[in-house]
C-alpha atoms as a PDB file:
ATOM      1  CA  MET A   1     -11.779 -38.169   9.000  1.00  0.00           C
ATOM      2  CA  GLY A   2      -8.583 -36.228   9.114  1.00  0.00           C
ATOM      3  CA  ARG A   3      -7.941 -32.957  10.705  1.00  0.00           C
ATOM      4  CA  GLY A   4      -7.691 -31.331   7.393  1.00  0.00           C
ATOM      5  CA  LYS A   5     -10.973 -32.643   5.787  1.00  0.00           C
ATOM      6  CA  LYS A   6     -12.771 -31.819   9.191  1.00  0.00           C
ATOM      7  CA  ILE A   7     -11.612 -28.222   9.003  1.00  0.00           C
ATOM      8  CA  PHE A   8     -12.326 -28.003   5.293  1.00  0.00           C
ATOM      9  CA  HIS A   9     -16.027 -29.371   5.908  1.00  0.00           C
ATOM     10  CA  GLU A  10     -16.635 -26.652   8.514  1.00  0.00           C
ATOM     11  CA  LEU A  11     -15.260 -23.875   5.829  1.00  0.00           C
ATOM     12  CA  ASN A  12     -17.826 -21.497   3.922  1.00  0.00           C
ATOM     13  CA  ILE A  13     -16.352 -22.155   0.821  1.00  0.00           C
ATOM     14  CA  ASP A  14     -19.357 -21.358  -1.372  1.00  0.00           C
ATOM     15  CA  GLU A  15     -18.650 -17.602  -0.198  1.00  0.00           C
ATOM     16  CA  LEU A  16     -15.467 -17.652  -2.043  1.00  0.00           C
ATOM     17  CA  PRO A  17     -14.960 -16.289  -5.570  1.00  0.00           C
ATOM     18  CA  PHE A  18     -12.940 -19.222  -6.507  1.00  0.00           C
ATOM     19  CA  GLU A  19     -12.685 -23.083  -5.590  1.00  0.00           C
ATOM     20  CA  ILE A  20     -10.600 -24.580  -2.911  1.00  0.00           C
ATOM     21  CA  ASN A  21     -10.619 -28.201  -2.082  1.00  0.00           C
ATOM     22  CA  SER A  22      -9.184 -30.273   0.950  1.00  0.00           C
ATOM     23  CA  SER A  23      -5.917 -31.050  -1.229  1.00  0.00           C
ATOM     24  CA  ASN A  24      -5.207 -27.186  -1.593  1.00  0.00           C
ATOM     25  CA  LEU A  25      -6.311 -26.120   1.682  1.00  0.00           C
ATOM     26  CA  ASN A  26      -2.778 -25.817   3.039  1.00  0.00           C
ATOM     27  CA  ASP A  27      -1.902 -23.665   0.271  1.00  0.00           C
ATOM     28  CA  PHE A  28      -4.922 -21.445   0.825  1.00  0.00           C
ATOM     29  CA  GLY A  29      -4.130 -21.252   4.604  1.00  0.00           C
ATOM     30  CA  GLN A  30      -0.556 -20.293   3.944  1.00  0.00           C
ATOM     31  CA  ASP A  31      -1.649 -17.670   1.279  1.00  0.00           C
ATOM     32  CA  ALA A  32      -4.401 -16.270   3.625  1.00  0.00           C
ATOM     33  CA  SER A  33      -1.777 -16.104   6.732  1.00  0.00           C
ATOM     34  CA  LYS A  34       0.816 -14.158   4.258  1.00  0.00           C
ATOM     35  CA  ASP A  35      -2.280 -11.826   3.343  1.00  0.00           C
ATOM     36  CA  LEU A  36      -3.063 -11.032   6.864  1.00  0.00           C
ATOM     37  CA  GLN A  37       0.621 -10.531   7.943  1.00  0.00           C
ATOM     38  CA  SER A  38       0.975  -8.008   4.932  1.00  0.00           C
ATOM     39  CA  ILE A  39      -2.224  -6.310   6.185  1.00  0.00           C
ATOM     40  CA  PHE A  40      -0.635  -5.671   9.587  1.00  0.00           C
ATOM     41  CA  PHE A  41       2.966  -4.947   8.351  1.00  0.00           C
ATOM     42  CA  GLY A  42       1.378  -2.942   5.403  1.00  0.00           C
ATOM     43  CA  ILE A  43       0.524  -0.132   7.899  1.00  0.00           C
ATOM     44  CA  GLU A  44       3.414   2.287   7.143  1.00  0.00           C
ATOM     45  CA  SER A  45       1.952   5.583   8.245  1.00  0.00           C
ATOM     46  CA  SER A  46       2.545   6.360  11.868  1.00  0.00           C
ATOM     47  CA  SER A  47      -0.890   7.818  12.085  1.00  0.00           C
ATOM     48  CA  LEU A  48      -2.669   5.001  10.677  1.00  0.00           C
ATOM     49  CA  LYS A  49      -0.517   2.510  13.011  1.00  0.00           C
ATOM     50  CA  TRP A  50      -1.680   4.655  15.956  1.00  0.00           C
ATOM     51  CA  CYS A  51      -5.339   4.430  14.681  1.00  0.00           C
ATOM     52  CA  MET A  52      -5.127   0.670  14.006  1.00  0.00           C
ATOM     53  CA  SER A  53      -2.773  -0.103  17.272  1.00  0.00           C
ATOM     54  CA  THR A  54      -5.818  -1.637  19.249  1.00  0.00           C
ATOM     55  CA  VAL A  55      -9.255  -3.076  18.568  1.00  0.00           C
ATOM     56  CA  LYS A  56     -10.889  -0.060  20.440  1.00  0.00           C
ATOM     57  CA  LYS A  57      -8.952   2.686  18.443  1.00  0.00           C
ATOM     58  CA  ALA A  58      -9.681   0.786  15.289  1.00  0.00           C
ATOM     59  CA  LYS A  59     -13.381   0.909  15.975  1.00  0.00           C
ATOM     60  CA  VAL A  60     -13.395   4.510  17.063  1.00  0.00           C
ATOM     61  CA  PHE A  61     -11.274   5.328  13.643  1.00  0.00           C
ATOM     62  CA  THR A  62     -13.820   3.333  11.402  1.00  0.00           C
ATOM     63  CA  LEU A  63     -16.966   5.274  12.925  1.00  0.00           C
ATOM     64  CA  ILE A  64     -15.224   8.490  12.428  1.00  0.00           C
ATOM     65  CA  PHE A  65     -14.041   7.594   8.870  1.00  0.00           C
ATOM     66  CA  GLN A  66     -17.377   6.579   7.723  1.00  0.00           C
ATOM     67  CA  ALA A  67     -19.134   9.778   9.382  1.00  0.00           C
ATOM     68  CA  ASN A  68     -16.631  11.578   7.328  1.00  0.00           C
ATOM     69  CA  GLU A  69     -17.115   9.884   3.887  1.00  0.00           C
ATOM     70  CA  ASN A  70     -21.048  10.385   4.574  1.00  0.00           C
ATOM     71  CA  GLY A  71     -20.740  13.937   5.250  1.00  0.00           C
ATOM     72  CA  LEU A  72     -22.229  13.354   8.748  1.00  0.00           C
ATOM     73  CA  ALA A  73     -21.454  14.760  11.945  1.00  0.00           C
ATOM     74  CA  ILE A  74     -19.955  12.562  14.673  1.00  0.00           C
ATOM     75  CA  TYR A  75     -18.772  13.293  18.005  1.00  0.00           C
ATOM     76  CA  LYS A  76     -17.716  11.663  21.253  1.00  0.00           C
ATOM     77  CA  GLU A  77     -21.064  10.874  22.677  1.00  0.00           C
ATOM     78  CA  GLU A  78     -22.366   9.440  19.351  1.00  0.00           C
ATOM     79  CA  ILE A  79     -19.275   7.317  19.218  1.00  0.00           C
ATOM     80  CA  ALA A  80     -19.923   6.069  22.543  1.00  0.00           C
ATOM     81  CA  LYS A  81     -23.399   5.293  21.822  1.00  0.00           C
ATOM     82  CA  LYS A  82     -22.416   3.216  18.907  1.00  0.00           C
ATOM     83  CA  LEU A  83     -19.623   1.389  20.983  1.00  0.00           C
ATOM     84  CA  PRO A  84     -21.381   0.403  24.207  1.00  0.00           C
ATOM     85  CA  GLU A  85     -18.693  -2.053  24.899  1.00  0.00           C
ATOM     86  CA  TYR A  86     -16.664   0.920  25.912  1.00  0.00           C
ATOM     87  CA  SER A  87     -17.089   3.577  28.372  1.00  0.00           C
ATOM     88  CA  TYR A  88     -17.614   7.453  27.517  1.00  0.00           C
ATOM     89  CA  LYS A  89     -14.280   7.950  29.138  1.00  0.00           C
ATOM     90  CA  THR A  90     -12.304   5.532  27.180  1.00  0.00           C
ATOM     91  CA  ILE A  91     -13.905   6.897  23.945  1.00  0.00           C
ATOM     92  CA  ALA A  92     -13.107  10.529  24.825  1.00  0.00           C
ATOM     93  CA  THR A  93      -9.515   9.659  25.702  1.00  0.00           C
ATOM     94  CA  ILE A  94      -9.093   8.092  22.391  1.00  0.00           C
ATOM     95  CA  VAL A  95     -10.587  10.881  20.506  1.00  0.00           C
ATOM     96  CA  ASP A  96      -8.727  13.555  22.608  1.00  0.00           C
ATOM     97  CA  GLU A  97      -5.461  11.720  22.047  1.00  0.00           C
ATOM     98  CA  GLY A  98      -6.168  11.599  18.317  1.00  0.00           C
ATOM     99  CA  VAL A  99      -6.934  15.240  18.308  1.00  0.00           C
ATOM    100  CA  GLU A 100      -3.837  16.193  19.992  1.00  0.00           C
ATOM    101  CA  LYS A 101      -1.774  14.065  17.694  1.00  0.00           C
ATOM    102  CA  GLY A 102      -3.546  15.849  14.761  1.00  0.00           C
ATOM    103  CA  TYR A 103      -5.073  12.690  13.656  1.00  0.00           C
ATOM    104  CA  TYR A 104      -8.573  13.750  14.191  1.00  0.00           C
ATOM    105  CA  LEU A 105      -9.584  17.234  13.526  1.00  0.00           C
ATOM    106  CA  PRO A 106     -12.541  19.225  15.081  1.00  0.00           C
ATOM    107  CA  LEU A 107     -14.172  20.284  11.962  1.00  0.00           C
ATOM    108  CA  GLU A 108     -17.597  20.856  10.461  1.00  0.00           C
ATOM    109  CA  PRO A 109     -19.291  18.225   8.373  1.00  0.00           C
ATOM    110  CA  TYR A 110     -19.299  18.918   4.592  1.00  0.00           C
ATOM    111  CA  THR A 111     -23.060  18.712   4.450  1.00  0.00           C
ATOM    112  CA  ASN A 112     -25.736  20.666   6.248  1.00  0.00           C
ATOM    113  CA  ASN A 113     -26.064  18.016   9.136  1.00  0.00           C
ATOM    114  CA  ALA A 114     -24.004  20.321  11.578  1.00  0.00           C
ATOM    115  CA  VAL A 115     -24.455  19.949  15.289  1.00  0.00           C
ATOM    116  CA  LYS A 116     -25.773  23.395  16.432  1.00  0.00           C
ATOM    117  CA  ASP A 117     -24.367  22.934  20.031  1.00  0.00           C
ATOM    118  CA  LYS A 118     -20.980  24.861  19.883  1.00  0.00           C
ATOM    119  CA  LYS A 119     -19.743  22.894  22.946  1.00  0.00           C
ATOM    120  CA  ILE A 120     -19.987  19.581  20.890  1.00  0.00           C
ATOM    121  CA  LYS A 121     -17.061  19.213  18.421  1.00  0.00           C
ATOM    122  CA  ASN A 122     -17.723  17.328  15.313  1.00  0.00           C
ATOM    123  CA  ILE A 123     -14.493  14.813  14.717  1.00  0.00           C
ATOM    124  CA  ARG A 124     -13.035  14.382  11.333  1.00  0.00           C
ATOM    125  CA  PRO A 125     -10.043  12.431  10.017  1.00  0.00           C
ATOM    126  CA  SER A 126      -6.941  14.287   8.891  1.00  0.00           C
ATOM    127  CA  GLU A 127      -6.157  14.462   5.142  1.00  0.00           C
ATOM    128  CA  GLU A 128      -2.948  12.645   5.931  1.00  0.00           C
ATOM    129  CA  ILE A 129      -4.863   9.704   7.750  1.00  0.00           C
ATOM    130  CA  VAL A 130      -7.627   9.302   4.930  1.00  0.00           C
ATOM    131  CA  THR A 131      -4.936   9.191   2.241  1.00  0.00           C
ATOM    132  CA  ALA A 132      -3.045   6.606   4.388  1.00  0.00           C
ATOM    133  CA  PHE A 133      -6.245   4.564   4.936  1.00  0.00           C
ATOM    134  CA  LEU A 134      -7.078   4.602   1.229  1.00  0.00           C
ATOM    135  CA  ASN A 135      -3.706   3.677   0.181  1.00  0.00           C
ATOM    136  CA  TRP A 136      -3.485   1.060   2.562  1.00  0.00           C
ATOM    137  CA  ASN A 137      -6.668  -0.542   1.321  1.00  0.00           C
ATOM    138  CA  ILE A 138      -5.660  -0.356  -2.172  1.00  0.00           C
ATOM    139  CA  LYS A 139      -2.650  -2.375  -1.408  1.00  0.00           C
ATOM    140  CA  ARG A 140      -5.023  -4.930   0.455  1.00  0.00           C
ATOM    141  CA  ILE A 141      -7.269  -5.095  -2.761  1.00  0.00           C
ATOM    142  CA  THR A 142      -4.318  -5.951  -4.784  1.00  0.00           C
ATOM    143  CA  THR A 143      -2.934  -8.541  -2.846  1.00  0.00           C
ATOM    144  CA  VAL A 144      -6.472 -10.190  -2.507  1.00  0.00           C
ATOM    145  CA  SER A 145      -7.018  -9.823  -6.187  1.00  0.00           C
ATOM    146  CA  LYS A 146      -3.759 -11.706  -6.726  1.00  0.00           C
ATOM    147  CA  MET A 147      -4.950 -14.461  -4.587  1.00  0.00           C
ATOM    148  CA  ILE A 148      -8.247 -14.717  -6.347  1.00  0.00           C
ATOM    149  CA  LYS A 149      -6.549 -14.943  -9.702  1.00  0.00           C
ATOM    150  CA  LYS A 150      -4.125 -17.507  -8.266  1.00  0.00           C
ATOM    151  CA  TYR A 151      -6.933 -19.989  -7.243  1.00  0.00           C
ATOM    152  CA  SER A 152      -9.264 -19.143 -10.121  1.00  0.00           C
ATOM    153  CA  LYS A 153      -6.966 -21.132 -12.645  1.00  0.00           C
END
């Protein structure tokens, strides 16, 4: 069995919303690679570039973003608990730098789940970064939609 067929047999192709086979696997690989490249190069906002510049920062950002979208309070200690692979000091440094740059804001959550301890600051993403993140995802969805149409023929 050749290399391409070995790779093809290991893929979870049943999860795709379209069909590929061993003869168009290379085309699919090229398209997937171009898509990934456009994802990385498609980050145009300097604030989003900073938030996605490392895996650590991206994980912190997604927790802050998700908490914001759900109207929940999130703070450094909570982020550190949810990311046990990183130290509290690492999380605090990322959050503090993001606040200093204006990418994260110490604001109240928009629901009544506010943290009562005034020393603990709830962290929310800035409006600029929310807009940049959503626009980036709209582009990603459009690109994937085109790929689905291409392979669904």
